[in-house]
Amino acid sequence: MAAIEVRGAVGAWHPSYFVKALESYGEGEQVPIPEDPDFNGIAQAVSRGLELPRGLVTVEDVPDGDQIIR
């Protein structure tokens, strides 16, 4: 693996969304809501999930875009 690119509306995503899908939260569970774009947090969550070094992951904001991981 040479690199991982994460692109999307970064401000709309909380790093925990890469660990647990929004649909997985049960009734009464607190769903994390992003307060600010967390580029580093998203990169760390993706690298941990893929068990790859953090240095391989870059995050780019694409306003009003979907998250795309390559």
Protein backbone atom coordinates (compact mmCIF):
# COMPACT_ATOMS: atom_id res chain seq x y z
CA MET A 1 0.00 0.00 0.00
CA ALA A 2 1.51 3.30 -1.06
CA ALA A 3 -1.13 5.76 0.13
CA ILE A 4 -4.70 6.15 1.31
CA GLU A 5 -6.67 9.26 0.34
CA VAL A 6 -9.80 10.22 2.28
CA ARG A 7 -11.83 12.94 0.56
CA GLY A 8 -15.20 14.38 1.42
CA ALA A 9 -17.11 16.90 3.49
CA VAL A 10 -14.72 16.54 6.45
CA GLY A 11 -16.69 18.88 8.70
CA ALA A 12 -19.71 16.56 8.52
CA TRP A 13 -17.79 13.48 9.70
CA HIS A 14 -16.74 12.48 13.20
CA PRO A 15 -13.75 10.08 13.38
CA SER A 16 -15.89 7.53 15.23
CA TYR A 17 -18.08 7.16 12.12
CA PHE A 18 -15.24 5.08 10.65
CA VAL A 19 -15.51 2.71 13.61
CA LYS A 20 -19.27 2.48 14.10
CA ALA A 21 -21.87 3.33 11.46
CA LEU A 22 -24.56 5.85 12.33
CA GLU A 23 -27.19 3.19 11.68
CA SER A 24 -25.63 1.01 14.38
CA TYR A 25 -26.56 3.33 17.24
CA GLY A 26 -29.53 2.10 19.22
CA GLU A 27 -32.37 4.07 20.66
CA GLY A 28 -31.11 6.34 23.41
CA GLU A 29 -27.43 6.00 22.43
CA GLN A 30 -25.56 9.26 21.99
CA VAL A 31 -24.41 9.69 18.38
CA PRO A 32 -21.21 11.77 18.17
CA ILE A 33 -21.66 15.02 16.27
CA PRO A 34 -18.64 16.73 14.75
CA GLU A 35 -17.97 20.20 16.13
CA ASP A 36 -15.09 21.09 13.81
CA PRO A 37 -13.37 19.35 10.91
CA ASP A 38 -11.01 16.76 12.44
CA PHE A 39 -8.56 15.89 9.68
CA ASN A 40 -6.09 14.18 12.00
CA GLY A 41 -8.78 12.26 13.90
CA ILE A 42 -10.25 10.89 10.67
CA ALA A 43 -6.80 9.94 9.37
CA GLN A 44 -6.01 8.15 12.64
CA ALA A 45 -9.33 6.26 12.63
CA VAL A 46 -8.82 5.12 9.03
CA SER A 47 -5.22 4.05 9.63
CA ARG A 48 -6.18 2.13 12.79
CA GLY A 49 -9.09 0.45 11.03
CA LEU A 50 -6.88 -0.65 8.17
CA GLU A 51 -3.97 -1.44 10.51
CA LEU A 52 -1.63 0.70 8.42
CA PRO A 53 0.75 3.51 9.40
CA ARG A 54 -0.87 6.92 9.93
CA GLY A 55 1.67 8.45 7.54
CA LEU A 56 0.03 6.69 4.58
CA VAL A 57 -3.33 8.46 5.13
CA THR A 58 -4.17 11.93 3.84
CA VAL A 59 -7.49 13.70 4.34
CA GLU A 60 -8.85 16.36 1.98
CA ASP A 61 -11.98 18.45 2.38
CA VAL A 62 -14.37 18.38 -0.56
CA PRO A 63 -17.27 20.64 0.48
CA ASP A 64 -20.68 19.02 0.11
CA GLY A 65 -18.99 15.84 -1.07
CA ASP A 66 -19.27 12.23 -0.02
CA GLN A 67 -16.42 10.55 1.81
CA ILE A 68 -14.24 8.68 -0.66
CA ILE A 69 -11.41 6.46 0.50
CA ARG A 70 -8.89 5.31 -2.09
